Amino acid sequence: MRTALALTLALVALPLSAETLVVDGQVQVRPVSIELPRRGSSMAQVEARFGAPRTRHAAVGQPPITRWDYDGFSVYFEHQHVIHAVAHGG
């Protein structure tokens, strides 16, 4: 039990990026080879590091969630901070 807890805590602390694939009916995870914005980064930090997005989508919902699309990935913000970045498949 302690080993599982320690492993879970270690994985939560690591910034991991992966893409989920289904091959012959089996789910596999492949590491993403592109850099993605880190969770908690501000919109200004993302734009300074990655440039202007190709598309900015208006905020929706409460709390407001905004999506920026770049070539190869999308970034999701809650208010002004990254909550998730997703690499596009292909």
Protein backbone atom coordinates (compact mmCIF):
# COMPACT_ATOMS: atom_id res chain seq x y z
CA MET A 1 0.00 0.00 0.00
CA ARG A 2 2.83 2.41 0.85
CA THR A 3 4.56 1.69 -2.46
CA ALA A 4 1.37 2.48 -4.40
CA LEU A 5 0.90 5.72 -2.47
CA ALA A 6 4.52 6.75 -3.03
CA LEU A 7 4.26 5.96 -6.75
CA THR A 8 1.03 7.94 -7.05
CA LEU A 9 2.57 10.94 -5.30
CA ALA A 10 5.66 10.76 -7.51
CA LEU A 11 3.58 10.64 -10.69
CA VAL A 12 1.45 13.58 -9.60
CA ALA A 13 4.59 15.65 -9.04
CA LEU A 14 6.04 14.93 -12.50
CA PRO A 15 4.97 16.97 -15.54
CA LEU A 16 4.06 14.17 -17.94
CA SER A 17 2.81 14.47 -21.47
CA ALA A 18 1.46 11.51 -23.39
CA GLU A 19 -0.95 10.63 -26.10
CA THR A 20 -3.43 7.78 -25.88
CA LEU A 21 -3.56 5.36 -28.80
CA VAL A 22 -5.73 2.35 -29.52
CA VAL A 23 -3.78 -0.34 -31.39
CA ASP A 24 -5.48 -3.65 -32.21
CA GLY A 25 -8.09 -2.94 -29.55
CA GLN A 26 -5.47 -2.25 -26.87
CA VAL A 27 -5.03 1.18 -25.28
CA GLN A 28 -1.41 2.36 -25.33
CA VAL A 29 0.21 5.56 -24.12
CA ARG A 30 2.93 7.23 -26.19
CA PRO A 31 4.97 10.17 -24.88
CA VAL A 32 4.35 13.45 -26.68
CA SER A 33 7.44 14.75 -28.45
CA ILE A 34 6.48 18.45 -28.51
CA GLU A 35 6.79 20.95 -25.70
CA LEU A 36 3.47 21.95 -24.15
CA PRO A 37 2.66 24.82 -21.79
CA ARG A 38 2.81 23.89 -18.11
CA ARG A 39 -0.23 23.83 -15.89
CA GLY A 40 -0.55 27.08 -13.93
CA SER A 41 1.25 29.23 -16.53
CA SER A 42 -0.44 32.53 -17.26
CA MET A 43 -1.79 33.53 -20.68
CA ALA A 44 1.01 36.09 -20.92
CA GLN A 45 3.65 33.43 -20.18
CA VAL A 46 2.20 31.07 -22.79
CA GLU A 47 2.11 33.79 -25.43
CA ALA A 48 5.66 34.90 -24.59
CA ARG A 49 6.97 31.32 -24.89
CA PHE A 50 4.88 29.96 -27.81
CA GLY A 51 3.84 33.12 -29.66
CA ALA A 52 0.34 34.20 -30.62
CA PRO A 53 -2.11 31.34 -31.04
CA ARG A 54 -3.54 30.50 -34.46
CA THR A 55 -7.06 30.77 -32.98
CA ARG A 56 -8.42 32.21 -29.71
CA HIS A 57 -11.82 30.88 -28.69
CA ALA A 58 -14.06 32.97 -26.47
CA ALA A 59 -14.48 31.91 -22.84
CA VAL A 60 -17.44 29.65 -22.05
CA GLY A 61 -19.05 28.45 -18.83
CA GLN A 62 -18.48 29.25 -15.20
CA PRO A 63 -15.65 29.33 -14.31
CA PRO A 64 -14.74 30.73 -17.72
CA ILE A 65 -12.74 28.27 -19.84
CA THR A 66 -10.81 29.65 -22.82
CA ARG A 67 -9.10 27.63 -25.55
CA TRP A 68 -6.15 28.72 -27.66
CA ASP A 69 -5.20 26.63 -30.69
CA TYR A 70 -1.63 26.35 -31.95
CA ASP A 71 -0.24 24.17 -34.72
CA GLY A 72 0.10 20.80 -33.01
CA PHE A 73 -1.63 21.52 -29.70
CA SER A 74 -4.42 23.35 -27.86
CA VAL A 75 -4.23 25.07 -24.48
CA TYR A 76 -7.15 25.36 -22.06
CA PHE A 77 -7.26 28.18 -19.52
CA GLU A 78 -9.44 28.72 -16.47
CA HIS A 79 -9.60 32.48 -16.03
CA GLN A 80 -5.99 33.43 -16.98
CA HIS A 81 -4.10 30.21 -16.14
CA VAL A 82 -3.40 26.94 -17.97
CA ILE A 83 -5.39 23.98 -16.72
CA HIS A 84 -4.55 21.60 -19.59
CA ALA A 85 -2.62 21.39 -22.85
CA VAL A 86 -3.44 18.73 -25.45
CA ALA A 87 -1.25 17.60 -28.34
CA HIS A 88 -3.16 17.01 -31.57
CA GLY A 89 -2.88 13.51 -32.98
CA GLY A 90 -1.46 12.82 -36.38
